[in-house]
Amino acid sequence: MNTPPASEKPLTLPALLAMKSRHEPIAALTCYDASFAAVLDHCGVDLLLVGDSLGMVIQGEASTLPVTLEAMRYHVRCVAKSAKRAWLVADMPFGTYGASPAQAFDSAVQLMQAGAQMVKLEGGAWLSDTVTLLTQSGIPVCAHLGLTPQSVHTLGGYRVQGRQHLAAQRLKADALALQQAGASLLVLELVPSAVAQDITATLSIPSIGIGAGVQCDGQVLVLHDMLGVSLGHRPRFVRDFLEQSGSVQAAVRAYVADVKARRYPAAEHQYD
């Protein structure tokens, strides 16, 4: 279960993009503080996502909606202090980018100045102008489709997206539009594995799945879920890597190794 020590050379965006072409899965985890950033970085995690999931796992909120830009800036600064190799992505919180491309630019600048190397935003083709402005301004963008937690009330809860043919086609069209607008990565959340596989094969940019099947170009989990810390209902796609590992470091290495070998997610973690 041991993995080779991670290279100290920082990952760049071109290096991440090249991983898709050579079929090397991207191992990603959420991260919210300097201590865990150091551990994940040392254990070979490729991408650290300072997710607005911190609202739920750190702040105890019922959803991601209450998370503020100030809170995101704080946690980005904490993670950036220890992330030496991994690529650092920051979520744009609810209400900080949807009004206009100019609003999104102002918010993204604050996250980049705090230490982010890329920002992530939730939504489809309607965000194309925003993605174009950000990328042309030197701000790399990760798009997010499928279950978009900031739209949980509109979607009617945390449900699998894209099961119907028209919905799947809409996801694919949105993915292509966001890629065309300049997005460099795409998170696919709670999407049937066949739909995610089709989108992944169509795109030239890497897809990173969470509950979207093993054929995505990478995987991401909420750190607390991967370590079995979260209480209550555990989604099908979650696996507790700490349970059989004995230490946090061993659990993270096991996660990285299983993502790289495409052992995770297994069939029981996927959706039809």
Protein backbone atom coordinates (compact mmCIF):
# COMPACT_ATOMS: atom_id res chain seq x y z
CA MET A 1 0.00 0.00 0.00
CA ASN A 2 3.06 2.26 0.09
CA THR A 3 3.48 4.84 -2.65
CA PRO A 4 6.70 6.51 -3.79
CA PRO A 5 7.46 9.82 -2.08
CA ALA A 6 5.86 12.73 -3.91
CA SER A 7 8.18 14.90 -5.94
CA GLU A 8 8.90 18.27 -4.37
CA LYS A 9 8.52 19.95 -7.75
CA PRO A 10 5.25 21.92 -7.73
CA LEU A 11 2.55 20.71 -10.09
CA THR A 12 1.59 23.19 -12.78
CA LEU A 13 -1.61 23.46 -14.78
CA PRO A 14 0.09 22.12 -17.95
CA ALA A 15 1.34 19.16 -15.89
CA LEU A 16 -2.20 18.41 -14.68
CA LEU A 17 -3.56 18.66 -18.22
CA ALA A 18 -0.86 16.28 -19.43
CA MET A 19 -2.01 13.67 -16.92
CA LYS A 20 -5.18 13.21 -18.97
CA SER A 21 -3.25 12.53 -22.16
CA ARG A 22 -1.08 9.89 -20.50
CA HIS A 23 -4.08 8.38 -18.65
CA GLU A 24 -2.73 9.05 -15.17
CA PRO A 25 -5.63 9.69 -12.77
CA ILE A 26 -5.54 12.90 -10.72
CA ALA A 27 -5.88 12.30 -6.97
CA ALA A 28 -7.65 15.21 -5.26
CA LEU A 29 -8.96 15.87 -1.75
CA THR A 30 -10.55 18.80 0.00
CA CYS A 31 -8.36 20.59 2.53
CA TYR A 32 -9.02 23.46 4.91
CA ASP A 33 -5.91 24.01 7.10
CA ALA A 34 -2.12 24.10 7.06
CA SER A 35 -1.56 20.88 9.01
CA PHE A 36 -3.62 18.68 6.73
CA ALA A 37 -2.23 20.49 3.69
CA ALA A 38 1.26 19.42 4.70
CA VAL A 39 0.17 15.79 5.19
CA LEU A 40 -1.76 15.55 1.92
CA ASP A 41 1.03 17.24 0.02
CA HIS A 42 3.65 14.86 1.45
CA CYS A 43 1.50 11.81 0.69
CA GLY A 44 1.21 12.61 -3.01
CA VAL A 45 -2.21 14.23 -3.41
CA ASP A 46 -2.13 16.10 -6.72
CA LEU A 47 -4.84 18.69 -6.12
CA LEU A 48 -6.07 20.32 -2.92
CA LEU A 49 -9.56 21.82 -3.07
CA VAL A 50 -10.40 24.41 -0.45
CA GLY A 51 -14.07 23.60 -0.79
CA ASP A 52 -17.08 25.49 0.44
CA SER A 53 -17.88 22.10 1.98
CA LEU A 54 -16.07 23.66 4.94
CA GLY A 55 -19.42 25.18 5.80
CA MET A 56 -20.68 21.72 6.68
CA VAL A 57 -17.60 19.86 7.96
CA ILE A 58 -15.84 22.77 9.69
CA GLN A 59 -18.58 25.28 10.55
CA GLY A 60 -21.42 22.85 11.22
CA GLU A 61 -23.85 24.40 8.73
CA ALA A 62 -26.60 22.42 7.04
CA SER A 63 -25.37 23.36 3.54
CA THR A 64 -22.62 25.27 1.75
CA LEU A 65 -24.80 28.35 1.27
CA PRO A 66 -23.75 30.32 4.39
CA VAL A 67 -20.03 30.22 3.51
CA THR A 68 -18.62 33.70 2.92
CA LEU A 69 -15.81 34.93 0.72
CA GLU A 70 -13.98 36.06 3.86
CA ALA A 71 -14.09 32.51 5.23
CA MET A 72 -12.82 31.09 1.95
CA ARG A 73 -9.95 33.59 1.88
CA TYR A 74 -8.96 32.61 5.43
CA HIS A 75 -8.86 28.89 4.69
CA VAL A 76 -7.09 29.37 1.36
CA ARG A 77 -4.34 31.30 3.15
CA CYS A 78 -4.00 28.50 5.72
CA VAL A 79 -3.70 25.76 3.09
CA ALA A 80 -1.37 27.80 0.87
CA LYS A 81 1.17 28.05 3.69
CA SER A 82 1.84 24.29 3.55
CA ALA A 83 0.96 23.25 -0.01
CA LYS A 84 4.32 22.91 -1.76
CA ARG A 85 3.60 20.45 -4.58
CA ALA A 86 -0.16 20.08 -4.95
CA TRP A 87 -2.22 22.37 -7.19
CA LEU A 88 -4.47 24.58 -5.04
CA VAL A 89 -8.07 25.23 -6.08
CA ALA A 90 -10.55 27.42 -4.20
CA ASP A 91 -14.33 27.33 -4.38
CA MET A 92 -16.14 30.54 -5.24
CA PRO A 93 -18.85 30.66 -2.55
CA PHE A 94 -22.56 31.19 -3.14
CA GLY A 95 -23.48 34.73 -4.10
CA THR A 96 -19.98 35.83 -5.12
CA TYR A 97 -19.97 35.21 -8.90
CA GLY A 98 -23.46 34.70 -10.33
CA ALA A 99 -24.52 38.34 -10.71
CA SER A 100 -22.00 39.30 -13.39
CA PRO A 101 -18.57 38.46 -14.77
CA ALA A 102 -17.27 41.59 -13.05
CA GLN A 103 -18.49 40.36 -9.66
CA ALA A 104 -16.85 37.00 -10.31
CA PHE A 105 -13.58 38.69 -11.26
CA ASP A 106 -13.49 40.74 -8.06
CA SER A 107 -14.18 37.65 -5.93
CA ALA A 108 -11.68 35.48 -7.79
CA VAL A 109 -8.94 38.08 -7.42
CA GLN A 110 -9.33 37.94 -3.64
CA LEU A 111 -8.99 34.15 -3.62
CA MET A 112 -5.97 34.22 -5.91
CA GLN A 113 -4.30 36.87 -3.76
CA ALA A 114 -4.90 34.62 -0.75
CA GLY A 115 -2.92 31.84 -2.43
CA ALA A 116 -5.27 29.94 -4.76
CA GLN A 117 -3.95 28.87 -8.16
CA MET A 118 -7.40 28.25 -9.64
CA VAL A 119 -11.02 28.99 -8.75
CA LYS A 120 -13.99 26.64 -9.03
CA LEU A 121 -17.53 27.71 -9.79
CA GLU A 122 -20.78 25.80 -10.12
CA GLY A 123 -23.04 26.14 -13.15
CA GLY A 124 -23.50 25.47 -16.84
CA ALA A 125 -23.20 27.31 -20.12
CA TRP A 126 -24.71 30.47 -18.61
CA LEU A 127 -21.33 31.02 -16.95
CA SER A 128 -19.42 31.03 -20.24
CA ASP A 129 -18.87 34.79 -20.31
CA THR A 130 -17.64 34.67 -16.71
CA VAL A 131 -15.23 31.82 -17.45
CA THR A 132 -13.90 33.68 -20.48
CA LEU A 133 -13.28 36.89 -18.53
CA LEU A 134 -11.52 35.04 -15.71
CA THR A 135 -9.27 32.96 -17.93
CA GLN A 136 -8.39 35.90 -20.18
CA SER A 137 -7.47 37.78 -16.99
CA GLY A 138 -5.03 35.07 -15.93
CA ILE A 139 -7.30 33.24 -13.49
CA PRO A 140 -7.55 29.49 -14.24
CA VAL A 141 -11.05 28.05 -13.85
CA CYS A 142 -12.39 24.67 -12.76
CA ALA A 143 -16.04 24.19 -13.73
CA HIS A 144 -18.49 22.06 -11.71
CA LEU A 145 -21.50 20.21 -13.17
CA GLY A 146 -23.93 17.53 -12.06
CA LEU A 147 -24.98 17.94 -8.46
CA THR A 148 -24.09 21.53 -7.67
CA PRO A 149 -24.52 21.91 -3.90
CA GLN A 150 -25.06 25.68 -4.07
CA SER A 151 -28.25 24.89 -6.06
CA VAL A 152 -29.45 22.24 -3.62
CA HIS A 153 -32.86 23.88 -3.11
CA THR A 154 -33.45 24.21 -6.86
CA LEU A 155 -32.43 20.60 -7.46
CA GLY A 156 -34.66 19.32 -4.68
CA GLY A 157 -31.91 17.84 -2.57
CA TYR A 158 -28.71 15.87 -3.05
CA ARG A 159 -29.80 13.73 -6.00
CA VAL A 160 -28.02 12.04 -8.91
CA GLN A 161 -28.11 14.29 -11.98
CA GLY A 162 -28.24 13.34 -15.67
CA ARG A 163 -30.12 10.06 -15.47
CA GLN A 164 -32.60 11.04 -18.18
CA HIS A 165 -31.38 11.31 -21.76
CA LEU A 166 -32.15 15.01 -22.15
CA ALA A 167 -30.52 15.83 -18.83
CA ALA A 168 -27.42 13.89 -19.82
CA GLN A 169 -27.24 15.70 -23.15
CA ARG A 170 -27.59 19.03 -21.36
CA LEU A 171 -24.68 18.15 -19.06
CA LYS A 172 -22.54 17.28 -22.06
CA ALA A 173 -23.46 20.49 -23.86
CA ASP A 174 -22.68 22.53 -20.74
CA ALA A 175 -19.31 20.79 -20.35
CA LEU A 176 -18.36 21.56 -23.95
CA ALA A 177 -19.49 25.18 -23.61
CA LEU A 178 -17.43 25.69 -20.45
CA GLN A 179 -14.39 24.07 -22.06
CA GLN A 180 -14.81 26.34 -25.07
CA ALA A 181 -15.05 29.34 -22.73
CA GLY A 182 -11.68 28.47 -21.24
CA ALA A 183 -12.24 26.14 -18.25
CA SER A 184 -9.21 23.92 -17.64
CA LEU A 185 -10.76 21.31 -15.32
CA LEU A 186 -14.27 19.98 -14.75
CA VAL A 187 -15.70 18.44 -11.58
CA LEU A 188 -18.57 16.02 -12.20
CA GLU A 189 -20.58 15.28 -9.06
CA LEU A 190 -23.25 12.60 -8.59
CA VAL A 191 -23.54 11.68 -12.26
CA PRO A 192 -24.22 8.19 -13.67
CA SER A 193 -20.91 6.54 -14.54
CA ALA A 194 -21.84 6.04 -18.21
CA VAL A 195 -22.72 9.73 -18.58
CA ALA A 196 -19.49 10.81 -16.91
CA GLN A 197 -17.51 8.43 -19.12
CA ASP A 198 -19.09 9.91 -22.25
CA ILE A 199 -18.37 13.49 -21.15
CA THR A 200 -14.81 12.59 -20.15
CA ALA A 201 -14.14 11.01 -23.55
CA THR A 202 -15.56 14.06 -25.34
CA LEU A 203 -13.54 16.69 -23.47
CA SER A 204 -9.91 17.62 -24.00
CA ILE A 205 -9.68 18.90 -20.39
CA PRO A 206 -9.54 16.55 -17.38
CA SER A 207 -12.69 15.57 -15.53
CA ILE A 208 -12.56 14.98 -11.78
CA GLY A 209 -15.35 12.83 -10.42
CA ILE A 210 -17.07 12.63 -7.08
CA GLY A 211 -19.72 9.96 -7.29
CA ALA A 212 -19.26 9.93 -11.08
CA GLY A 213 -17.50 6.64 -11.75
CA VAL A 214 -14.00 5.34 -12.29
CA GLN A 215 -13.64 6.53 -15.90
CA CYS A 216 -13.22 10.18 -14.95
CA ASP A 217 -9.69 11.55 -15.30
CA GLY A 218 -9.42 11.99 -11.54
CA GLN A 219 -11.27 11.65 -8.26
CA VAL A 220 -11.99 13.97 -5.34
CA LEU A 221 -13.49 13.32 -1.92
CA VAL A 222 -14.24 15.50 1.05
CA LEU A 223 -11.33 14.87 3.42
CA HIS A 224 -13.59 14.19 6.41
CA ASP A 225 -15.56 11.58 4.41
CA MET A 226 -12.37 9.85 3.25
CA LEU A 227 -11.21 9.62 6.87
CA GLY A 228 -14.59 8.42 8.19
CA VAL A 229 -14.99 11.50 10.38
CA SER A 230 -18.34 12.65 9.02
CA LEU A 231 -21.34 11.36 10.97
CA GLY A 232 -24.79 10.51 9.71
CA HIS A 233 -25.70 9.31 6.22
CA ARG A 234 -22.74 8.24 4.09
CA PRO A 235 -23.29 8.52 0.32
CA ARG A 236 -22.69 5.43 -1.78
CA PHE A 237 -19.57 6.88 -3.40
CA VAL A 238 -17.77 7.49 -0.09
CA ARG A 239 -15.17 5.04 1.18
CA ASP A 240 -13.54 5.26 4.62
CA PHE A 241 -9.83 4.81 3.91
CA LEU A 242 -8.78 5.27 7.54
CA GLU A 243 -10.73 2.23 8.77
CA GLN A 244 -8.16 -0.29 7.51
CA SER A 245 -5.08 1.95 7.37
CA GLY A 246 -4.09 2.65 10.97
CA SER A 247 -3.02 6.27 10.49
CA VAL A 248 -4.07 9.39 8.62
CA GLN A 249 -0.93 9.29 6.51
CA ALA A 250 -1.46 5.65 5.55
CA ALA A 251 -5.11 6.38 4.69
CA VAL A 252 -4.14 9.24 2.39
CA ARG A 253 -1.48 7.11 0.69
CA ALA A 254 -4.01 4.32 0.24
CA TYR A 255 -6.48 6.75 -1.32
CA VAL A 256 -3.85 8.11 -3.73
CA ALA A 257 -2.71 4.60 -4.66
CA ASP A 258 -6.26 3.35 -5.28
CA VAL A 259 -7.19 6.38 -7.37
CA LYS A 260 -4.01 6.04 -9.44
CA ALA A 261 -4.64 2.31 -9.98
CA ARG A 262 -8.36 2.91 -10.69
CA ARG A 263 -9.31 0.63 -7.82
CA TYR A 264 -11.37 3.48 -6.42
CA PRO A 265 -14.15 4.10 -7.06
CA ALA A 266 -15.21 0.47 -7.32
CA ALA A 267 -18.49 -0.75 -8.79
CA GLU A 268 -20.33 -0.34 -5.48
CA HIS A 269 -19.44 3.37 -5.38
CA GLN A 270 -20.95 4.20 -8.79
CA TYR A 271 -24.40 5.16 -10.03
CA ASP A 272 -26.35 3.86 -13.05
